[in-house]
Amino acid sequence: MKHCSGCRYPVYKDGGVEGMLWAIGKNVRFPEHLQKDGKVFVQFTINEQGQVRNAVVKQGFRPDADSAAVRAVRLLGEFTPALDAQGRPIAVRQTVPVTFSLQ
């Protein structure tokens, strides 16, 4: 995994950042018995082919919300892969917040 200095970052093919957040929200299963709002930070790799790999909880909220957030990130579609300064596809890590709100 390279550091992404001077490169082009990956782009979610179905609407960029807004599309990615919408897809996560659509795919997340809201935990039963949730009593308060919270946020889970999920870290994942976008590989050289633009696929999501190795989604893990970076900062959790509660176990059922953590697993729901990781599942939603794993269901994301493809990205246009990141490119290094020479234009070659590279794998990069990203972290995304998944918010659980009672409202």
Protein backbone atom coordinates (compact mmCIF):
# COMPACT_ATOMS: atom_id res chain seq x y z
CA MET A 1 0.00 0.00 0.00
CA LYS A 2 1.50 3.29 -1.09
CA HIS A 3 1.09 6.72 0.42
CA CYS A 4 -1.13 8.72 -1.93
CA SER A 5 0.99 11.86 -2.38
CA GLY A 6 0.62 13.52 -5.78
CA CYS A 7 -1.91 10.95 -6.91
CA ARG A 8 -5.54 10.92 -7.97
CA TYR A 9 -7.82 9.61 -5.24
CA PRO A 10 -10.41 6.90 -5.88
CA VAL A 11 -13.91 8.00 -6.89
CA TYR A 12 -17.09 6.05 -6.17
CA LYS A 13 -18.52 5.24 -9.61
CA ASP A 14 -22.12 5.82 -8.57
CA GLY A 15 -22.09 9.47 -7.50
CA GLY A 16 -18.76 10.21 -5.85
CA VAL A 17 -18.67 10.89 -2.10
CA GLU A 18 -22.39 11.74 -1.92
CA GLY A 19 -23.29 8.57 -3.81
CA MET A 20 -21.08 6.47 -1.54
CA LEU A 21 -22.67 7.90 1.63
CA TRP A 22 -26.15 7.41 0.14
CA ALA A 23 -25.36 3.76 -0.71
CA ILE A 24 -24.04 3.10 2.80
CA GLY A 25 -27.18 4.66 4.30
CA LYS A 26 -29.38 2.57 2.02
CA ASN A 27 -27.55 -0.67 2.88
CA VAL A 28 -27.14 -0.21 6.63
CA ARG A 29 -29.48 -2.23 8.82
CA PHE A 30 -30.53 -0.15 11.80
CA PRO A 31 -29.89 -2.11 15.03
CA GLU A 32 -32.91 -3.06 17.11
CA HIS A 33 -33.17 -1.57 20.60
CA LEU A 34 -30.93 1.38 19.78
CA GLN A 35 -31.24 3.86 22.66
CA LYS A 36 -28.90 6.67 21.58
CA ASP A 37 -27.25 8.17 18.53
CA GLY A 38 -23.76 7.08 17.61
CA LYS A 39 -21.15 6.85 14.90
CA VAL A 40 -18.98 4.00 13.64
CA PHE A 41 -15.80 4.72 11.69
CA VAL A 42 -15.09 2.00 9.13
CA GLN A 43 -11.68 1.74 7.49
CA PHE A 44 -11.34 -0.12 4.20
CA THR A 45 -9.02 -0.55 1.25
CA ILE A 46 -9.91 0.32 -2.32
CA ASN A 47 -7.70 -2.01 -4.34
CA GLU A 48 -6.09 -1.46 -7.75
CA GLN A 49 -9.27 -2.73 -9.45
CA GLY A 50 -11.51 -0.28 -7.53
CA GLN A 51 -13.04 -2.91 -5.22
CA VAL A 52 -13.68 -2.54 -1.50
CA ARG A 53 -11.55 -4.90 0.59
CA ASN A 54 -10.66 -5.40 4.27
CA ALA A 55 -13.45 -3.33 5.85
CA VAL A 56 -12.88 -3.11 9.62
CA VAL A 57 -14.12 -1.00 12.51
CA LYS A 58 -11.61 1.76 13.24
CA GLN A 59 -13.72 3.31 16.01
CA GLY A 60 -16.81 1.52 17.22
CA PHE A 61 -20.09 2.50 18.81
CA ARG A 62 -21.72 -0.79 19.88
CA PRO A 63 -21.28 -4.31 18.47
CA ASP A 64 -24.52 -4.55 16.48
CA ALA A 65 -24.02 -1.09 14.96
CA ASP A 66 -20.36 -1.87 14.22
CA SER A 67 -21.23 -5.02 12.28
CA ALA A 68 -24.08 -3.25 10.43
CA ALA A 69 -21.71 -0.46 9.38
CA VAL A 70 -19.01 -2.88 8.14
CA ARG A 71 -21.64 -4.85 6.21
CA ALA A 72 -22.94 -1.69 4.51
CA VAL A 73 -19.40 -0.66 3.47
CA ARG A 74 -18.68 -4.15 2.10
CA LEU A 75 -21.78 -3.84 -0.10
CA LEU A 76 -20.47 -0.73 -1.85
CA GLY A 77 -20.06 -0.97 -5.59
CA GLU A 78 -16.95 -0.16 -7.56
CA PHE A 79 -14.66 2.83 -7.42
CA THR A 80 -12.46 4.30 -10.09
CA PRO A 81 -9.11 3.28 -8.55
CA ALA A 82 -6.59 5.74 -7.20
CA LEU A 83 -3.67 6.50 -9.48
CA ASP A 84 -0.10 7.24 -8.45
CA ALA A 85 1.85 10.19 -9.84
CA GLN A 86 2.77 8.10 -12.91
CA GLY A 87 -0.88 7.21 -13.59
CA ARG A 88 -0.69 3.60 -12.36
CA PRO A 89 -3.56 2.18 -10.26
CA ILE A 90 -2.73 1.81 -6.56
CA ALA A 91 -4.52 0.54 -3.47
CA VAL A 92 -5.42 3.14 -0.85
CA ARG A 93 -7.12 3.11 2.54
CA GLN A 94 -10.13 5.22 3.36
CA THR A 95 -12.14 5.74 6.51
CA VAL A 96 -15.81 6.64 6.41
CA PRO A 97 -18.19 7.55 9.26
CA VAL A 98 -21.49 5.67 9.46
CA THR A 99 -23.99 7.56 11.62
CA PHE A 100 -26.83 5.94 13.53
CA SER A 101 -29.51 8.44 14.51
CA LEU A 102 -32.82 7.87 16.26
CA GLN A 103 -34.41 10.78 14.37
